Amino acid sequence: MAEAGGAEMEELMEEFSVRTLCDIFSDMRIANRTRNYSYLKGLIEEAQYRANRMEDHLYSRKSVEELEKRRIKLKAEVKELEKESEK
């Protein structure tokens, strides 16, 4: 079976699992408690994937907030320039 590429893997992960990081960590604890590490690598990959997506979303949100602040500032500048041009 051929390995899926980056975008394909993301789509598969989204369809495959809607688990939270807490669920994944819980499974890691179970693996450790039972000393069954056969699937631990997969759990680590899943946790890393989820954490990366969370970080990406946070950075995107920060960018949107910065753009909103800039939009408000520019809008105020436009109003000021319009008032000056009316004089």
N, C-alpha and C. Protein backbone atom coordinates (compact mmCIF):
# COMPACT_ATOMS: atom_id res chain seq x y z
N MET A 1 0.85 -1.19 0.00
CA MET A 1 0.00 0.00 0.00
C MET A 1 0.88 1.23 0.00
N ALA A 2 0.62 2.18 -0.88
CA ALA A 2 1.41 3.42 -0.96
C ALA A 2 1.03 4.34 0.19
N GLU A 3 2.02 5.07 0.67
CA GLU A 3 1.76 6.01 1.75
C GLU A 3 1.07 7.25 1.21
N ALA A 4 0.19 7.83 2.01
CA ALA A 4 -0.52 9.03 1.60
C ALA A 4 0.38 10.24 1.75
N GLY A 5 0.20 11.23 0.86
CA GLY A 5 0.97 12.47 0.94
C GLY A 5 0.45 13.36 2.04
N GLY A 6 1.05 14.54 2.20
CA GLY A 6 0.70 15.47 3.28
C GLY A 6 -0.77 15.84 3.34
N ALA A 7 -1.31 16.36 2.24
CA ALA A 7 -2.71 16.79 2.22
C ALA A 7 -3.64 15.59 2.36
N GLU A 8 -3.28 14.49 1.70
CA GLU A 8 -4.11 13.28 1.79
C GLU A 8 -4.12 12.76 3.23
N MET A 9 -2.96 12.81 3.88
CA MET A 9 -2.86 12.33 5.26
C MET A 9 -3.71 13.19 6.19
N GLU A 10 -3.71 14.50 5.97
CA GLU A 10 -4.52 15.39 6.80
C GLU A 10 -6.00 15.06 6.63
N GLU A 11 -6.43 14.83 5.40
CA GLU A 11 -7.83 14.48 5.16
C GLU A 11 -8.19 13.17 5.85
N LEU A 12 -7.29 12.19 5.76
CA LEU A 12 -7.54 10.91 6.42
C LEU A 12 -7.63 11.07 7.92
N MET A 13 -6.74 11.88 8.49
CA MET A 13 -6.74 12.08 9.94
C MET A 13 -8.02 12.76 10.39
N GLU A 14 -8.49 13.74 9.61
CA GLU A 14 -9.73 14.43 9.97
C GLU A 14 -10.91 13.48 9.93
N GLU A 15 -10.97 12.63 8.92
CA GLU A 15 -12.07 11.69 8.80
C GLU A 15 -11.96 10.58 9.84
N PHE A 16 -10.74 10.18 10.14
CA PHE A 16 -10.49 9.04 11.00
C PHE A 16 -10.86 9.31 12.45
N SER A 17 -10.52 10.50 12.92
CA SER A 17 -10.63 10.70 14.35
C SER A 17 -11.12 12.10 14.71
N VAL A 18 -12.02 12.15 15.65
CA VAL A 18 -12.47 13.42 16.20
C VAL A 18 -12.15 13.46 17.69
N ARG A 19 -11.14 12.69 18.06
CA ARG A 19 -10.75 12.61 19.47
C ARG A 19 -10.01 13.86 19.91
N THR A 20 -10.09 14.14 21.19
CA THR A 20 -9.37 15.27 21.74
C THR A 20 -7.97 14.82 22.18
N LEU A 21 -7.11 15.81 22.45
CA LEU A 21 -5.79 15.49 22.97
C LEU A 21 -5.90 14.73 24.29
N CYS A 22 -6.87 15.09 25.11
CA CYS A 22 -7.06 14.39 26.39
C CYS A 22 -7.36 12.91 26.17
N ASP A 23 -8.16 12.61 25.15
CA ASP A 23 -8.45 11.20 24.84
C ASP A 23 -7.18 10.46 24.43
N ILE A 24 -6.37 11.13 23.63
CA ILE A 24 -5.12 10.52 23.16
C ILE A 24 -4.18 10.29 24.33
N PHE A 25 -4.06 11.30 25.21
CA PHE A 25 -3.18 11.15 26.38
C PHE A 25 -3.69 10.04 27.30
N SER A 26 -4.99 9.91 27.40
CA SER A 26 -5.56 8.84 28.21
C SER A 26 -5.16 7.48 27.65
N ASP A 27 -5.21 7.34 26.33
CA ASP A 27 -4.78 6.09 25.71
C ASP A 27 -3.29 5.84 25.93
N MET A 28 -2.50 6.92 25.94
CA MET A 28 -1.07 6.77 26.22
C MET A 28 -0.85 6.25 27.65
N ARG A 29 -1.64 6.78 28.57
CA ARG A 29 -1.52 6.31 29.97
C ARG A 29 -1.89 4.83 30.09
N ILE A 30 -2.93 4.43 29.37
CA ILE A 30 -3.33 3.03 29.38
C ILE A 30 -2.22 2.16 28.80
N ALA A 31 -1.62 2.62 27.70
CA ALA A 31 -0.52 1.87 27.08
C ALA A 31 0.63 1.72 28.07
N ASN A 32 0.92 2.76 28.81
CA ASN A 32 2.00 2.69 29.78
C ASN A 32 1.64 1.79 30.96
N ARG A 33 0.41 1.92 31.44
CA ARG A 33 -0.02 1.12 32.59
C ARG A 33 0.01 -0.38 32.25
N THR A 34 -0.40 -0.72 31.03
CA THR A 34 -0.44 -2.13 30.63
C THR A 34 0.88 -2.59 30.01
N ARG A 35 1.81 -1.65 29.87
CA ARG A 35 3.13 -1.93 29.26
C ARG A 35 2.99 -2.47 27.84
N ASN A 36 1.93 -2.00 27.15
CA ASN A 36 1.72 -2.37 25.75
C ASN A 36 2.06 -1.14 24.90
N TYR A 37 3.27 -1.10 24.41
CA TYR A 37 3.74 0.06 23.67
C TYR A 37 3.63 -0.13 22.15
N SER A 38 2.93 -1.15 21.73
CA SER A 38 2.86 -1.45 20.30
C SER A 38 2.22 -0.33 19.48
N TYR A 39 1.32 0.41 20.07
CA TYR A 39 0.63 1.48 19.34
C TYR A 39 0.99 2.87 19.85
N LEU A 40 1.99 2.96 20.70
CA LEU A 40 2.38 4.25 21.28
C LEU A 40 2.88 5.23 20.22
N LYS A 41 3.65 4.75 19.26
CA LYS A 41 4.16 5.64 18.21
C LYS A 41 3.01 6.30 17.45
N GLY A 42 1.97 5.54 17.16
CA GLY A 42 0.80 6.11 16.48
C GLY A 42 0.10 7.15 17.33
N LEU A 43 0.03 6.89 18.63
CA LEU A 43 -0.61 7.86 19.53
C LEU A 43 0.21 9.15 19.60
N ILE A 44 1.53 9.02 19.62
CA ILE A 44 2.39 10.21 19.64
C ILE A 44 2.18 11.02 18.37
N GLU A 45 2.12 10.34 17.22
CA GLU A 45 1.90 11.03 15.95
C GLU A 45 0.54 11.74 15.95
N GLU A 46 -0.47 11.06 16.47
CA GLU A 46 -1.81 11.65 16.50
C GLU A 46 -1.83 12.88 17.41
N ALA A 47 -1.17 12.78 18.56
CA ALA A 47 -1.11 13.93 19.49
C ALA A 47 -0.36 15.09 18.84
N GLN A 48 0.74 14.81 18.17
CA GLN A 48 1.51 15.87 17.51
C GLN A 48 0.68 16.55 16.44
N TYR A 49 -0.05 15.76 15.68
CA TYR A 49 -0.90 16.30 14.62
C TYR A 49 -1.95 17.24 15.22
N ARG A 50 -2.61 16.77 16.28
CA ARG A 50 -3.65 17.59 16.92
C ARG A 50 -3.06 18.88 17.50
N ALA A 51 -1.92 18.78 18.16
CA ALA A 51 -1.29 19.95 18.76
C ALA A 51 -0.87 20.95 17.68
N ASN A 52 -0.33 20.45 16.57
CA ASN A 52 0.06 21.35 15.47
C ASN A 52 -1.15 22.09 14.91
N ARG A 53 -2.25 21.39 14.75
CA ARG A 53 -3.46 22.04 14.24
C ARG A 53 -3.96 23.09 15.20
N MET A 54 -3.87 22.79 16.50
CA MET A 54 -4.31 23.74 17.52
C MET A 54 -3.44 25.01 17.46
N GLU A 55 -2.12 24.83 17.37
CA GLU A 55 -1.21 25.97 17.28
C GLU A 55 -1.48 26.79 16.02
N ASP A 56 -1.67 26.12 14.89
CA ASP A 56 -1.96 26.82 13.65
C ASP A 56 -3.21 27.68 13.78
N HIS A 57 -4.23 27.13 14.41
CA HIS A 57 -5.47 27.88 14.59
C HIS A 57 -5.24 29.10 15.48
N LEU A 58 -4.47 28.93 16.55
CA LEU A 58 -4.20 30.05 17.44
C LEU A 58 -3.44 31.16 16.72
N TYR A 59 -2.44 30.79 15.92
CA TYR A 59 -1.70 31.80 15.17
C TYR A 59 -2.58 32.48 14.14
N SER A 60 -3.45 31.73 13.49
CA SER A 60 -4.37 32.31 12.51
C SER A 60 -5.30 33.29 13.19
N ARG A 61 -5.79 32.93 14.34
CA ARG A 61 -6.70 33.80 15.08
C ARG A 61 -6.00 35.09 15.48
N LYS A 62 -4.74 34.96 15.91
CA LYS A 62 -3.98 36.15 16.28
C LYS A 62 -3.81 37.07 15.08
N SER A 63 -3.53 36.48 13.92
CA SER A 63 -3.37 37.27 12.69
C SER A 63 -4.66 38.00 12.35
N VAL A 64 -5.79 37.34 12.50
CA VAL A 64 -7.08 37.95 12.21
C VAL A 64 -7.33 39.12 13.15
N GLU A 65 -7.00 38.96 14.43
CA GLU A 65 -7.19 40.04 15.40
C GLU A 65 -6.30 41.23 15.06
N GLU A 66 -5.07 40.96 14.65
CA GLU A 66 -4.16 42.05 14.26
C GLU A 66 -4.68 42.78 13.03
N LEU A 67 -5.20 42.03 12.05
CA LEU A 67 -5.77 42.65 10.86
C LEU A 67 -6.99 43.49 11.20
N GLU A 68 -7.80 43.04 12.14
CA GLU A 68 -8.98 43.80 12.54
C GLU A 68 -8.56 45.13 13.18
N LYS A 69 -7.54 45.09 14.03
CA LYS A 69 -7.03 46.33 14.64
C LYS A 69 -6.52 47.28 13.56
N ARG A 70 -5.80 46.74 12.60
CA ARG A 70 -5.27 47.57 11.51
C ARG A 70 -6.40 48.17 10.68
N ARG A 71 -7.45 47.37 10.43
CA ARG A 71 -8.60 47.85 9.66
C ARG A 71 -9.27 49.02 10.37
N ILE A 72 -9.44 48.90 11.68
CA ILE A 72 -10.07 49.98 12.46
C ILE A 72 -9.22 51.25 12.39
N LYS A 73 -7.91 51.08 12.52
CA LYS A 73 -7.01 52.23 12.46
C LYS A 73 -7.07 52.90 11.09
N LEU A 74 -7.04 52.10 10.03
CA LEU A 74 -7.10 52.65 8.68
C LEU A 74 -8.44 53.33 8.40
N LYS A 75 -9.50 52.76 8.94
CA LYS A 75 -10.82 53.35 8.75
C LYS A 75 -10.88 54.74 9.39
N ALA A 76 -10.27 54.85 10.57
CA ALA A 76 -10.21 56.15 11.25
C ALA A 76 -9.38 57.14 10.43
N GLU A 77 -8.30 56.68 9.85
CA GLU A 77 -7.47 57.55 9.02
C GLU A 77 -8.24 58.03 7.79
N VAL A 78 -9.02 57.15 7.18
CA VAL A 78 -9.83 57.52 6.02
C VAL A 78 -10.83 58.60 6.40
N LYS A 79 -11.51 58.44 7.53
CA LYS A 79 -12.47 59.44 7.98
C LYS A 79 -11.79 60.79 8.19
N GLU A 80 -10.60 60.74 8.79
CA GLU A 80 -9.86 61.97 9.03
C GLU A 80 -9.48 62.64 7.72
N LEU A 81 -9.03 61.86 6.75
CA LEU A 81 -8.67 62.41 5.45
C LEU A 81 -9.89 62.96 4.72
N GLU A 82 -11.03 62.31 4.87
CA GLU A 82 -12.26 62.81 4.25
C GLU A 82 -12.66 64.15 4.84
N LYS A 83 -12.51 64.30 6.15
CA LYS A 83 -12.84 65.57 6.81
C LYS A 83 -11.91 66.67 6.30
N GLU A 84 -10.63 66.35 6.15
CA GLU A 84 -9.66 67.33 5.67
C GLU A 84 -9.96 67.74 4.23
N SER A 85 -10.39 66.81 3.42
CA SER A 85 -10.65 67.11 2.00
C SER A 85 -11.92 67.96 1.85
N GLU A 86 -12.83 67.91 2.82
CA GLU A 86 -14.06 68.70 2.76
C GLU A 86 -13.78 70.16 3.06
N LYS A 87 -12.69 70.45 3.73
CA LYS A 87 -12.39 71.84 4.12
C LYS A 87 -11.96 72.69 2.97
